[in-house]
N, C-alpha and C. Protein backbone atom coordinates (compact mmCIF):
# COMPACT_ATOMS: atom_id res chain seq x y z
N MET A 1 182.00 -1.98 51.45
CA MET A 1 182.35 -2.95 52.46
C MET A 1 183.28 -4.00 51.85
N GLU A 2 184.34 -4.33 52.55
CA GLU A 2 185.27 -5.32 52.04
C GLU A 2 184.67 -6.72 52.16
N GLN A 3 184.68 -7.45 51.04
CA GLN A 3 184.12 -8.79 51.00
C GLN A 3 184.99 -9.63 50.08
N THR A 4 185.02 -10.94 50.35
CA THR A 4 185.66 -11.81 49.38
C THR A 4 184.78 -11.85 48.14
N GLY A 5 185.38 -12.22 47.01
CA GLY A 5 184.69 -12.12 45.74
C GLY A 5 183.39 -12.89 45.68
N HIS A 6 183.40 -14.16 46.17
CA HIS A 6 182.19 -14.94 46.03
C HIS A 6 181.08 -14.44 46.93
N VAL A 7 181.41 -13.89 48.10
CA VAL A 7 180.38 -13.32 48.97
C VAL A 7 179.81 -12.04 48.37
N ALA A 8 180.69 -11.19 47.85
CA ALA A 8 180.22 -9.94 47.21
C ALA A 8 179.28 -10.25 46.06
N GLY A 9 179.61 -11.29 45.29
CA GLY A 9 178.74 -11.67 44.18
C GLY A 9 177.37 -12.10 44.65
N TRP A 10 177.31 -12.84 45.75
CA TRP A 10 176.03 -13.27 46.28
C TRP A 10 175.21 -12.09 46.79
N VAL A 11 175.85 -11.13 47.44
CA VAL A 11 175.13 -9.95 47.92
C VAL A 11 174.48 -9.22 46.74
N ASP A 12 175.22 -9.07 45.67
CA ASP A 12 174.66 -8.41 44.48
C ASP A 12 173.49 -9.20 43.91
N GLN A 13 173.61 -10.53 43.87
CA GLN A 13 172.52 -11.35 43.35
C GLN A 13 171.27 -11.25 44.22
N LEU A 14 171.46 -11.27 45.53
CA LEU A 14 170.32 -11.16 46.44
C LEU A 14 169.67 -9.79 46.36
N ASP A 15 170.47 -8.78 46.15
CA ASP A 15 169.96 -7.42 45.95
C ASP A 15 169.07 -7.36 44.71
N ASP A 16 169.57 -7.90 43.60
CA ASP A 16 168.77 -7.93 42.37
C ASP A 16 167.50 -8.76 42.56
N MET A 17 167.64 -9.89 43.24
CA MET A 17 166.50 -10.77 43.44
C MET A 17 165.39 -10.09 44.25
N ALA A 18 165.76 -9.32 45.26
CA ALA A 18 164.76 -8.64 46.08
C ALA A 18 163.90 -7.70 45.22
N VAL A 19 164.54 -7.00 44.30
CA VAL A 19 163.80 -6.08 43.42
C VAL A 19 162.93 -6.86 42.44
N HIS A 20 163.49 -7.88 41.82
CA HIS A 20 162.75 -8.64 40.81
C HIS A 20 161.57 -9.39 41.41
N VAL A 21 161.75 -9.97 42.60
CA VAL A 21 160.65 -10.69 43.25
C VAL A 21 159.54 -9.72 43.64
N THR A 22 159.90 -8.57 44.19
CA THR A 22 158.89 -7.57 44.54
C THR A 22 158.12 -7.12 43.31
N ASP A 23 158.83 -6.84 42.24
CA ASP A 23 158.18 -6.40 41.01
C ASP A 23 157.20 -7.46 40.50
N ALA A 24 157.63 -8.71 40.49
CA ALA A 24 156.78 -9.80 39.99
C ALA A 24 155.57 -10.02 40.88
N MET A 25 155.75 -9.98 42.19
CA MET A 25 154.63 -10.18 43.10
C MET A 25 153.60 -9.08 42.97
N LEU A 26 154.05 -7.84 42.82
CA LEU A 26 153.12 -6.73 42.66
C LEU A 26 152.32 -6.87 41.36
N ARG A 27 152.99 -7.24 40.29
CA ARG A 27 152.30 -7.42 39.01
C ARG A 27 151.28 -8.55 39.07
N ALA A 28 151.55 -9.54 39.90
CA ALA A 28 150.64 -10.68 40.05
C ALA A 28 149.51 -10.40 41.04
N GLY A 29 149.52 -9.21 41.64
CA GLY A 29 148.49 -8.87 42.62
C GLY A 29 148.68 -9.55 43.96
N ALA A 30 149.91 -9.97 44.25
CA ALA A 30 150.18 -10.74 45.47
C ALA A 30 150.80 -9.90 46.58
N GLY A 31 150.81 -8.59 46.45
CA GLY A 31 151.41 -7.75 47.48
C GLY A 31 152.92 -7.77 47.41
N VAL A 32 153.56 -7.53 48.54
CA VAL A 32 155.02 -7.49 48.57
C VAL A 32 155.56 -8.69 49.35
N GLN A 33 156.80 -9.00 49.11
CA GLN A 33 157.44 -10.13 49.79
C GLN A 33 157.59 -9.83 51.28
N ALA A 34 157.40 -10.86 52.10
CA ALA A 34 157.63 -10.71 53.54
C ALA A 34 159.09 -10.38 53.81
N PRO A 35 159.38 -9.65 54.88
CA PRO A 35 160.78 -9.42 55.24
C PRO A 35 161.54 -10.73 55.29
N THR A 36 162.74 -10.73 54.74
CA THR A 36 163.50 -11.97 54.56
C THR A 36 164.95 -11.77 55.01
N VAL A 37 165.49 -12.79 55.67
CA VAL A 37 166.90 -12.81 56.07
C VAL A 37 167.61 -13.88 55.27
N HIS A 38 168.67 -13.49 54.58
CA HIS A 38 169.50 -14.41 53.81
C HIS A 38 170.84 -14.59 54.54
N VAL A 39 171.31 -15.83 54.61
CA VAL A 39 172.54 -16.15 55.34
C VAL A 39 173.67 -16.47 54.37
N LEU A 40 174.81 -15.83 54.60
CA LEU A 40 176.04 -16.10 53.85
C LEU A 40 177.13 -16.53 54.82
N VAL A 41 177.83 -17.60 54.48
CA VAL A 41 178.95 -18.09 55.30
C VAL A 41 180.19 -18.07 54.43
N ASP A 42 181.13 -17.22 54.79
CA ASP A 42 182.29 -16.95 53.93
C ASP A 42 183.13 -18.18 53.64
N ASP A 43 183.21 -19.13 54.58
CA ASP A 43 184.09 -20.29 54.41
C ASP A 43 183.47 -21.39 53.56
N LEU A 44 182.20 -21.23 53.15
CA LEU A 44 181.53 -22.26 52.37
C LEU A 44 181.47 -21.85 50.90
N ASP A 45 181.34 -22.85 50.05
CA ASP A 45 181.21 -22.59 48.61
C ASP A 45 180.16 -23.55 48.04
N PRO A 46 178.96 -23.07 47.72
CA PRO A 46 178.57 -21.66 47.71
C PRO A 46 178.38 -21.08 49.11
N ALA A 47 178.62 -19.77 49.20
CA ALA A 47 178.51 -19.09 50.49
C ALA A 47 177.07 -18.93 50.93
N TYR A 48 176.14 -18.93 49.99
CA TYR A 48 174.73 -18.74 50.32
C TYR A 48 174.17 -20.04 50.88
N VAL A 49 173.60 -19.96 52.09
CA VAL A 49 173.12 -21.15 52.79
C VAL A 49 171.60 -21.29 52.67
N GLY A 50 170.88 -20.19 52.85
CA GLY A 50 169.42 -20.26 52.81
C GLY A 50 168.81 -18.98 53.30
N LYS A 51 167.47 -18.99 53.42
CA LYS A 51 166.76 -17.78 53.81
C LYS A 51 165.61 -18.11 54.74
N LEU A 52 165.23 -17.10 55.53
CA LEU A 52 164.12 -17.19 56.46
C LEU A 52 163.17 -16.04 56.17
N GLY A 53 161.92 -16.37 55.83
CA GLY A 53 160.90 -15.36 55.58
C GLY A 53 160.05 -15.16 56.81
N CYS A 54 159.68 -13.93 57.08
CA CYS A 54 158.96 -13.61 58.31
C CYS A 54 157.54 -14.17 58.31
N ARG A 55 157.04 -14.43 59.48
CA ARG A 55 155.66 -14.89 59.69
C ARG A 55 154.69 -13.72 59.53
N PRO A 56 153.39 -14.02 59.37
CA PRO A 56 152.40 -12.94 59.43
C PRO A 56 152.47 -12.25 60.80
N MET A 57 152.22 -10.96 60.82
CA MET A 57 152.41 -10.20 62.06
C MET A 57 151.32 -9.17 62.25
N LEU A 58 151.12 -8.79 63.49
CA LEU A 58 150.26 -7.67 63.84
C LEU A 58 151.11 -6.41 63.88
N ARG A 59 150.45 -5.27 63.75
CA ARG A 59 151.20 -4.02 63.80
C ARG A 59 151.70 -3.73 65.21
N GLY A 60 152.77 -2.98 65.27
CA GLY A 60 153.29 -2.54 66.57
C GLY A 60 154.30 -3.50 67.15
N ARG A 61 154.15 -3.82 68.43
CA ARG A 61 155.15 -4.61 69.15
C ARG A 61 155.34 -5.99 68.53
N ASP A 62 154.25 -6.59 68.05
CA ASP A 62 154.38 -7.91 67.45
C ASP A 62 155.26 -7.87 66.20
N ALA A 63 155.11 -6.83 65.39
CA ALA A 63 155.94 -6.70 64.19
C ALA A 63 157.41 -6.53 64.55
N HIS A 64 157.69 -5.74 65.57
CA HIS A 64 159.07 -5.56 66.02
C HIS A 64 159.65 -6.90 66.48
N ALA A 65 158.88 -7.65 67.28
CA ALA A 65 159.37 -8.92 67.80
C ALA A 65 159.57 -9.95 66.68
N ALA A 66 158.64 -9.98 65.73
CA ALA A 66 158.71 -10.96 64.64
C ALA A 66 159.98 -10.78 63.81
N ILE A 67 160.37 -9.53 63.61
CA ILE A 67 161.58 -9.26 62.81
C ILE A 67 162.84 -9.48 63.63
N ALA A 68 162.88 -8.98 64.85
CA ALA A 68 164.10 -9.04 65.66
C ALA A 68 164.56 -10.47 65.89
N VAL A 69 163.63 -11.39 66.15
CA VAL A 69 164.01 -12.76 66.49
C VAL A 69 164.65 -13.48 65.30
N MET A 70 164.48 -12.95 64.09
CA MET A 70 165.09 -13.58 62.92
C MET A 70 166.61 -13.50 62.95
N GLY A 71 167.16 -12.68 63.83
CA GLY A 71 168.60 -12.64 64.00
C GLY A 71 169.17 -13.96 64.47
N LEU A 72 168.34 -14.78 65.14
CA LEU A 72 168.80 -16.09 65.58
C LEU A 72 169.18 -16.98 64.41
N PHE A 73 168.57 -16.76 63.26
CA PHE A 73 168.86 -17.58 62.08
C PHE A 73 170.34 -17.45 61.69
N GLY A 74 170.84 -16.22 61.72
CA GLY A 74 172.25 -16.01 61.43
C GLY A 74 173.16 -16.54 62.51
N SER A 75 172.71 -16.43 63.76
CA SER A 75 173.51 -16.90 64.89
C SER A 75 173.70 -18.41 64.84
N MET A 76 172.63 -19.15 64.62
CA MET A 76 172.70 -20.60 64.69
C MET A 76 173.45 -21.21 63.51
N LEU A 77 173.56 -20.46 62.40
CA LEU A 77 174.28 -20.96 61.23
C LEU A 77 175.69 -20.39 61.11
N GLY A 78 176.09 -19.58 62.08
CA GLY A 78 177.43 -19.00 62.04
C GLY A 78 177.65 -18.09 60.85
N ALA A 79 176.65 -17.29 60.52
CA ALA A 79 176.73 -16.43 59.33
C ALA A 79 177.84 -15.40 59.46
N SER A 80 178.58 -15.22 58.37
CA SER A 80 179.56 -14.14 58.32
C SER A 80 178.94 -12.85 57.79
N ARG A 81 177.86 -12.99 57.01
CA ARG A 81 177.11 -11.83 56.54
C ARG A 81 175.63 -12.18 56.54
N LEU A 82 174.82 -11.16 56.79
CA LEU A 82 173.37 -11.28 56.62
C LEU A 82 172.93 -10.25 55.59
N VAL A 83 171.95 -10.65 54.78
CA VAL A 83 171.29 -9.72 53.87
C VAL A 83 169.82 -9.72 54.25
N VAL A 84 169.32 -8.56 54.66
CA VAL A 84 167.93 -8.42 55.12
C VAL A 84 167.18 -7.58 54.10
N THR A 85 166.03 -8.07 53.64
CA THR A 85 165.26 -7.35 52.63
C THR A 85 163.83 -7.14 53.09
N TYR A 86 163.26 -5.99 52.72
CA TYR A 86 161.85 -5.69 53.03
C TYR A 86 161.40 -4.49 52.21
N GLU A 87 160.08 -4.34 52.11
CA GLU A 87 159.52 -3.16 51.44
C GLU A 87 159.33 -2.07 52.48
N HIS A 88 159.85 -0.89 52.20
CA HIS A 88 159.98 0.15 53.22
C HIS A 88 158.64 0.64 53.76
N ALA A 89 157.73 1.04 52.89
CA ALA A 89 156.46 1.60 53.35
C ALA A 89 155.62 0.56 54.08
N ASP A 90 155.64 -0.67 53.59
CA ASP A 90 154.89 -1.75 54.22
C ASP A 90 155.33 -1.95 55.66
N MET A 91 156.64 -1.98 55.89
CA MET A 91 157.14 -2.21 57.23
C MET A 91 157.06 -0.96 58.10
N ALA A 92 157.10 0.21 57.51
CA ALA A 92 156.89 1.43 58.30
C ALA A 92 155.50 1.41 58.93
N ARG A 93 154.51 0.94 58.18
CA ARG A 93 153.16 0.80 58.75
C ARG A 93 153.12 -0.29 59.81
N ALA A 94 153.79 -1.42 59.53
CA ALA A 94 153.78 -2.53 60.48
C ALA A 94 154.43 -2.14 61.80
N TRP A 95 155.53 -1.37 61.71
CA TRP A 95 156.22 -0.93 62.92
C TRP A 95 155.58 0.30 63.55
N GLU A 96 154.51 0.80 62.93
CA GLU A 96 153.82 2.00 63.40
C GLU A 96 154.78 3.17 63.54
N ASP A 97 155.59 3.33 62.51
CA ASP A 97 156.48 4.49 62.43
C ASP A 97 155.64 5.76 62.40
N PRO A 98 156.00 6.79 63.16
CA PRO A 98 155.22 8.03 63.16
C PRO A 98 155.06 8.66 61.78
N ALA A 99 156.03 8.40 60.89
CA ALA A 99 155.97 8.97 59.54
C ALA A 99 155.49 7.95 58.51
N ALA A 100 154.79 6.91 58.97
CA ALA A 100 154.39 5.83 58.07
C ALA A 100 153.50 6.30 56.94
N ASP A 101 152.64 7.28 57.21
CA ASP A 101 151.69 7.74 56.18
C ASP A 101 152.39 8.38 54.99
N THR A 102 153.58 8.88 55.20
CA THR A 102 154.32 9.53 54.11
C THR A 102 155.59 8.77 53.74
N ALA A 103 155.71 7.54 54.24
CA ALA A 103 156.93 6.76 53.96
C ALA A 103 157.01 6.43 52.48
N PRO A 104 158.15 6.63 51.85
CA PRO A 104 158.29 6.30 50.42
C PRO A 104 158.26 4.79 50.20
N THR A 105 157.77 4.39 49.05
CA THR A 105 157.74 2.98 48.69
C THR A 105 159.05 2.59 48.01
N GLY A 106 159.44 1.35 48.21
CA GLY A 106 160.67 0.85 47.61
C GLY A 106 161.23 -0.29 48.42
N VAL A 107 162.24 -0.92 47.90
CA VAL A 107 162.85 -2.09 48.53
C VAL A 107 164.12 -1.68 49.26
N VAL A 108 164.24 -2.14 50.50
CA VAL A 108 165.44 -1.94 51.31
C VAL A 108 166.21 -3.25 51.36
N VAL A 109 167.51 -3.18 51.11
CA VAL A 109 168.40 -4.34 51.23
C VAL A 109 169.53 -3.95 52.17
N VAL A 110 169.59 -4.61 53.31
CA VAL A 110 170.64 -4.33 54.29
C VAL A 110 171.71 -5.41 54.19
N ASP A 111 172.93 -5.01 53.86
CA ASP A 111 174.08 -5.91 53.78
C ASP A 111 174.91 -5.68 55.03
N ALA A 112 174.96 -6.69 55.92
CA ALA A 112 175.60 -6.50 57.23
C ALA A 112 176.70 -7.52 57.47
N ALA A 113 177.78 -7.05 58.09
CA ALA A 113 178.90 -7.92 58.46
C ALA A 113 178.76 -8.36 59.91
N ARG A 114 179.39 -9.47 60.24
CA ARG A 114 179.31 -10.00 61.62
C ARG A 114 179.96 -9.05 62.61
N ASP A 115 181.06 -8.43 62.23
CA ASP A 115 181.79 -7.54 63.12
C ASP A 115 181.42 -6.09 62.80
N PRO A 116 180.58 -5.46 63.63
CA PRO A 116 180.15 -4.09 63.34
C PRO A 116 181.28 -3.08 63.38
N ALA A 117 182.32 -3.37 64.17
CA ALA A 117 183.44 -2.43 64.28
C ALA A 117 184.30 -2.44 63.03
N GLN A 118 184.30 -3.58 62.31
CA GLN A 118 185.16 -3.70 61.14
C GLN A 118 184.46 -3.23 59.87
N ASP A 119 183.27 -3.77 59.60
CA ASP A 119 182.58 -3.46 58.36
C ASP A 119 181.21 -2.82 58.56
N GLY A 120 180.52 -3.16 59.65
CA GLY A 120 179.21 -2.58 59.91
C GLY A 120 178.18 -3.03 58.89
N HIS A 121 177.46 -2.07 58.32
CA HIS A 121 176.43 -2.43 57.36
C HIS A 121 176.29 -1.34 56.30
N THR A 122 175.71 -1.72 55.19
CA THR A 122 175.36 -0.80 54.11
C THR A 122 173.90 -1.01 53.75
N ILE A 123 173.17 0.08 53.60
CA ILE A 123 171.78 0.01 53.16
C ILE A 123 171.73 0.29 51.66
N ARG A 124 171.14 -0.63 50.93
CA ARG A 124 170.88 -0.44 49.50
C ARG A 124 169.40 -0.09 49.35
N TRP A 125 169.13 1.03 48.72
CA TRP A 125 167.77 1.56 48.62
C TRP A 125 167.34 1.58 47.16
N HIS A 126 166.19 0.95 46.91
CA HIS A 126 165.62 0.89 45.56
C HIS A 126 164.25 1.57 45.58
N PRO A 127 164.21 2.88 45.35
CA PRO A 127 162.93 3.59 45.41
C PRO A 127 162.03 3.20 44.24
N ALA A 128 160.74 3.24 44.48
CA ALA A 128 159.78 2.89 43.43
C ALA A 128 158.48 3.63 43.65
N LEU A 129 157.83 3.99 42.57
CA LEU A 129 156.48 4.54 42.61
C LEU A 129 155.53 3.43 42.23
N PHE A 130 154.56 3.12 43.10
CA PHE A 130 153.60 2.07 42.83
C PHE A 130 152.32 2.66 42.26
N THR A 131 151.89 2.16 41.12
CA THR A 131 150.63 2.60 40.50
C THR A 131 149.76 1.39 40.21
N GLU A 132 148.46 1.62 40.17
CA GLU A 132 147.52 0.52 39.93
C GLU A 132 147.58 0.08 38.48
N GLY A 133 147.59 -1.25 38.29
CA GLY A 133 147.59 -1.81 36.95
C GLY A 133 146.32 -2.59 36.70
N PRO A 134 146.29 -3.39 35.64
CA PRO A 134 145.11 -4.21 35.35
C PRO A 134 144.96 -5.33 36.37
N ASP A 135 143.77 -5.91 36.45
CA ASP A 135 143.54 -7.01 37.37
C ASP A 135 144.45 -8.18 37.03
N ALA A 136 145.04 -8.76 38.07
CA ALA A 136 145.86 -9.95 37.88
C ALA A 136 144.95 -11.16 37.74
N ALA A 137 145.48 -12.22 37.17
CA ALA A 137 144.66 -13.39 36.87
C ALA A 137 144.17 -14.11 38.13
N ASP A 138 144.99 -14.17 39.17
CA ASP A 138 144.67 -15.04 40.30
C ASP A 138 144.34 -14.30 41.59
N ASP A 139 145.12 -13.31 41.95
CA ASP A 139 145.02 -12.76 43.30
C ASP A 139 144.15 -11.52 43.39
N GLY A 140 144.57 -10.43 42.83
CA GLY A 140 143.84 -9.19 42.97
C GLY A 140 144.39 -8.16 42.01
N PRO A 141 144.05 -6.89 42.24
CA PRO A 141 144.54 -5.84 41.34
C PRO A 141 146.06 -5.83 41.25
N ALA A 142 146.56 -5.78 40.04
CA ALA A 142 148.01 -5.71 39.85
C ALA A 142 148.51 -4.33 40.20
N VAL A 143 149.75 -4.27 40.63
CA VAL A 143 150.41 -2.99 40.93
C VAL A 143 151.69 -2.94 40.10
N LEU A 144 151.91 -1.81 39.46
CA LEU A 144 153.11 -1.64 38.65
C LEU A 144 154.12 -0.80 39.43
N ALA A 145 155.35 -1.29 39.49
CA ALA A 145 156.42 -0.57 40.19
C ALA A 145 157.28 0.16 39.16
N HIS A 146 157.41 1.46 39.34
CA HIS A 146 158.25 2.28 38.47
C HIS A 146 159.52 2.61 39.28
N TRP A 147 160.61 1.95 38.94
CA TRP A 147 161.81 2.00 39.77
C TRP A 147 162.67 3.21 39.45
N GLY A 148 163.10 3.87 40.51
CA GLY A 148 164.02 4.99 40.38
C GLY A 148 165.45 4.53 40.51
N PRO A 149 166.40 5.46 40.42
CA PRO A 149 167.82 5.07 40.54
C PRO A 149 168.14 4.59 41.96
N PRO A 150 168.86 3.47 42.09
CA PRO A 150 169.21 2.96 43.42
C PRO A 150 170.28 3.82 44.08
N ALA A 151 170.38 3.67 45.39
CA ALA A 151 171.39 4.39 46.16
C ALA A 151 171.92 3.47 47.27
N GLN A 152 173.12 3.80 47.76
CA GLN A 152 173.70 3.04 48.86
C GLN A 152 174.12 4.00 49.97
N TYR A 153 173.91 3.56 51.22
CA TYR A 153 174.24 4.38 52.38
C TYR A 153 175.05 3.54 53.36
N ARG A 154 176.33 3.86 53.46
CA ARG A 154 177.20 3.16 54.41
C ARG A 154 176.83 3.56 55.83
N ALA A 155 176.58 2.56 56.68
CA ALA A 155 176.22 2.79 58.08
C ALA A 155 174.96 3.64 58.20
N GLY A 156 174.02 3.48 57.26
CA GLY A 156 172.77 4.24 57.31
C GLY A 156 171.93 3.85 58.52
N ARG A 157 171.05 4.76 58.91
CA ARG A 157 170.20 4.54 60.09
C ARG A 157 169.23 3.39 59.82
N LEU A 158 169.17 2.45 60.78
CA LEU A 158 168.31 1.28 60.65
C LEU A 158 167.08 1.41 61.54
N PRO A 159 165.94 0.88 61.11
CA PRO A 159 164.80 0.76 62.02
C PRO A 159 165.20 -0.05 63.25
N SER A 160 164.58 0.24 64.38
CA SER A 160 165.00 -0.41 65.63
C SER A 160 164.87 -1.93 65.56
N ALA A 161 163.85 -2.44 64.88
CA ALA A 161 163.67 -3.89 64.80
C ALA A 161 164.81 -4.54 64.01
N VAL A 162 165.26 -3.89 62.94
CA VAL A 162 166.35 -4.43 62.14
C VAL A 162 167.67 -4.33 62.91
N ALA A 163 167.86 -3.21 63.61
CA ALA A 163 169.06 -3.07 64.44
C ALA A 163 169.10 -4.16 65.51
N ARG A 164 167.95 -4.47 66.09
CA ARG A 164 167.89 -5.52 67.11
C ARG A 164 168.16 -6.88 66.48
N LEU A 165 167.65 -7.13 65.29
CA LEU A 165 167.94 -8.37 64.56
C LEU A 165 169.44 -8.57 64.42
N LEU A 166 170.14 -7.54 63.98
CA LEU A 166 171.59 -7.64 63.80
C LEU A 166 172.29 -7.85 65.14
N SER A 167 171.79 -7.19 66.18
CA SER A 167 172.40 -7.34 67.50
C SER A 167 172.26 -8.76 68.02
N ILE A 168 171.10 -9.36 67.83
CA ILE A 168 170.88 -10.75 68.27
C ILE A 168 171.81 -11.69 67.51
N TRP A 169 171.95 -11.48 66.22
CA TRP A 169 172.86 -12.30 65.42
C TRP A 169 174.30 -12.19 65.91
N ARG A 170 174.73 -11.00 66.25
CA ARG A 170 176.13 -10.76 66.59
C ARG A 170 176.48 -11.16 68.02
N GLU A 171 175.51 -11.37 68.88
CA GLU A 171 175.80 -11.75 70.26
C GLU A 171 176.46 -13.13 70.29
N PRO A 172 177.61 -13.28 70.96
CA PRO A 172 178.25 -14.59 71.05
C PRO A 172 177.30 -15.60 71.69
N ARG A 173 177.18 -16.76 71.06
CA ARG A 173 176.25 -17.76 71.56
C ARG A 173 176.63 -19.13 71.01
N SER A 174 176.54 -20.14 71.85
CA SER A 174 176.77 -21.51 71.39
C SER A 174 175.41 -22.20 71.28
N TRP A 175 175.32 -23.12 70.31
CA TRP A 175 174.07 -23.81 70.05
C TRP A 175 174.27 -25.32 70.21
N ASP A 176 173.44 -25.93 71.05
CA ASP A 176 173.46 -27.38 71.09
C ASP A 176 172.37 -27.91 70.16
N GLU A 177 172.45 -29.19 69.86
CA GLU A 177 171.54 -29.79 68.87
C GLU A 177 170.07 -29.62 69.28
N ARG A 178 169.78 -29.83 70.54
CA ARG A 178 168.38 -29.77 70.98
C ARG A 178 167.80 -28.37 70.80
N GLU A 179 168.56 -27.35 71.21
CA GLU A 179 168.06 -25.98 71.08
C GLU A 179 167.94 -25.58 69.61
N PHE A 180 168.90 -25.99 68.80
CA PHE A 180 168.89 -25.70 67.37
C PHE A 180 167.59 -26.22 66.75
N LEU A 181 167.27 -27.48 66.99
CA LEU A 181 166.07 -28.08 66.40
C LEU A 181 164.79 -27.48 66.99
N ARG A 182 164.83 -27.11 68.26
CA ARG A 182 163.65 -26.49 68.88
C ARG A 182 163.31 -25.16 68.22
N VAL A 183 164.34 -24.34 67.95
CA VAL A 183 164.10 -23.05 67.32
C VAL A 183 163.59 -23.23 65.89
N LEU A 184 164.18 -24.15 65.14
CA LEU A 184 163.71 -24.41 63.78
C LEU A 184 162.26 -24.85 63.77
N ALA A 185 161.91 -25.77 64.67
CA ALA A 185 160.53 -26.25 64.74
C ALA A 185 159.58 -25.13 65.12
N GLY A 186 160.01 -24.26 66.03
CA GLY A 186 159.17 -23.14 66.44
C GLY A 186 158.89 -22.19 65.30
N TRP A 187 159.90 -21.94 64.47
CA TRP A 187 159.68 -21.07 63.32
C TRP A 187 158.68 -21.68 62.34
N GLU A 188 158.85 -22.94 62.04
CA GLU A 188 157.96 -23.59 61.08
C GLU A 188 156.53 -23.63 61.61
N GLN A 189 156.36 -23.90 62.88
CA GLN A 189 155.02 -23.93 63.47
C GLN A 189 154.42 -22.54 63.58
N GLY A 190 155.27 -21.53 63.71
CA GLY A 190 154.79 -20.16 63.89
C GLY A 190 154.52 -19.41 62.60
N GLY A 191 154.78 -20.02 61.45
CA GLY A 191 154.45 -19.37 60.19
C GLY A 191 155.62 -18.76 59.45
N TYR A 192 156.84 -18.90 59.98
CA TYR A 192 158.02 -18.47 59.23
C TYR A 192 158.27 -19.46 58.09
N SER A 193 158.90 -19.00 57.03
CA SER A 193 159.22 -19.89 55.90
C SER A 193 160.73 -20.06 55.78
N LEU A 194 161.16 -21.31 55.75
CA LEU A 194 162.58 -21.65 55.64
C LEU A 194 162.86 -22.26 54.28
N ARG A 195 163.94 -21.78 53.65
CA ARG A 195 164.37 -22.34 52.37
C ARG A 195 165.88 -22.54 52.42
N TRP A 196 166.32 -23.76 52.06
CA TRP A 196 167.74 -24.09 52.11
C TRP A 196 168.29 -24.25 50.70
N VAL A 197 169.55 -23.89 50.54
CA VAL A 197 170.25 -24.09 49.27
C VAL A 197 170.86 -25.49 49.27
N GLN A 198 170.61 -26.23 48.22
CA GLN A 198 171.18 -27.58 48.13
C GLN A 198 172.70 -27.49 48.08
N ARG A 199 173.35 -28.28 48.92
CA ARG A 199 174.80 -28.25 49.00
C ARG A 199 175.41 -29.19 47.96
N PRO A 200 176.61 -28.90 47.47
CA PRO A 200 177.26 -29.78 46.48
C PRO A 200 177.67 -31.11 47.09
N ASP A 201 177.66 -32.15 46.28
CA ASP A 201 178.10 -33.46 46.74
C ASP A 201 179.58 -33.40 47.13
N GLY A 202 179.91 -34.08 48.21
CA GLY A 202 181.30 -34.17 48.63
C GLY A 202 181.86 -32.87 49.19
N GLU A 203 181.00 -32.00 49.69
CA GLU A 203 181.48 -30.73 50.25
C GLU A 203 182.45 -31.01 51.40
N GLN A 204 183.62 -30.40 51.33
CA GLN A 204 184.69 -30.71 52.28
C GLN A 204 184.41 -30.16 53.68
N ARG A 205 184.06 -28.88 53.73
CA ARG A 205 183.84 -28.26 55.04
C ARG A 205 182.36 -28.35 55.40
N GLN A 206 182.06 -29.04 56.49
CA GLN A 206 180.67 -29.20 56.91
C GLN A 206 180.53 -28.85 58.39
N PRO A 207 180.06 -27.65 58.70
CA PRO A 207 179.81 -27.30 60.11
C PRO A 207 178.81 -28.29 60.72
N GLY A 208 178.77 -28.33 62.05
CA GLY A 208 177.87 -29.26 62.72
C GLY A 208 176.42 -29.10 62.31
N TRP A 209 175.97 -27.86 62.12
CA TRP A 209 174.57 -27.65 61.75
C TRP A 209 174.28 -28.23 60.37
N MET A 210 175.28 -28.25 59.49
CA MET A 210 175.05 -28.77 58.14
C MET A 210 174.83 -30.28 58.17
N ARG A 211 175.59 -30.97 59.00
CA ARG A 211 175.39 -32.41 59.13
C ARG A 211 174.01 -32.71 59.75
N LEU A 212 173.60 -31.83 60.66
CA LEU A 212 172.30 -32.00 61.31
C LEU A 212 171.15 -31.82 60.32
N LEU A 213 171.34 -30.89 59.36
CA LEU A 213 170.29 -30.58 58.41
C LEU A 213 170.42 -31.34 57.09
N ALA A 214 171.43 -32.20 56.98
CA ALA A 214 171.69 -32.89 55.72
C ALA A 214 170.45 -33.55 55.10
N PRO A 215 169.56 -34.16 55.90
CA PRO A 215 168.40 -34.82 55.28
C PRO A 215 167.44 -33.86 54.57
N ILE A 216 167.47 -32.56 54.92
CA ILE A 216 166.49 -31.64 54.31
C ILE A 216 167.14 -30.59 53.43
N MET A 217 168.46 -30.59 53.31
CA MET A 217 169.13 -29.56 52.51
C MET A 217 169.36 -30.07 51.08
């Protein structure tokens, strides 16, 4: 996928981070990381703005809805790219995929462009074999991830919830201040986790949402 240099670098960093965080959480007996949406804005430096982690969910329709609505995060921030990460087998069970019982374990990283006709998306796949390890100090039994060779699939098939997430992000939409703050508050109250990247002092280009969030960024 064609990307400017600084955006491509961030995608690679987020890809590495998804694997390292999953590995560390498993070793600590903390399970796997919740599905996460990372926002990149090409005109900003740094391009990485922040991330939204999914709320706890029930299996089936609730899991589909919990993931799909995260597309609003990219919409309200004017994202030029989204990076979506999740553990494959965990979400196959959550989405009640018919093949969930045999779904391979590993980390999925979806790198998606705003314009599907121009760049579309690429799936980065990090397969892993999970085996039981020694008890972790705080949480529960540790799990060791044995990582296989990664692969990339241009325009690979997406789960319906992830495809809907991207569709919601790409739908043209204007945001007023009241609606913007209402959605943010709803996520925080509903159990989603928001993390913002601290912006550099004197940043020249400041979209309206950045000025609105200045006190917490």
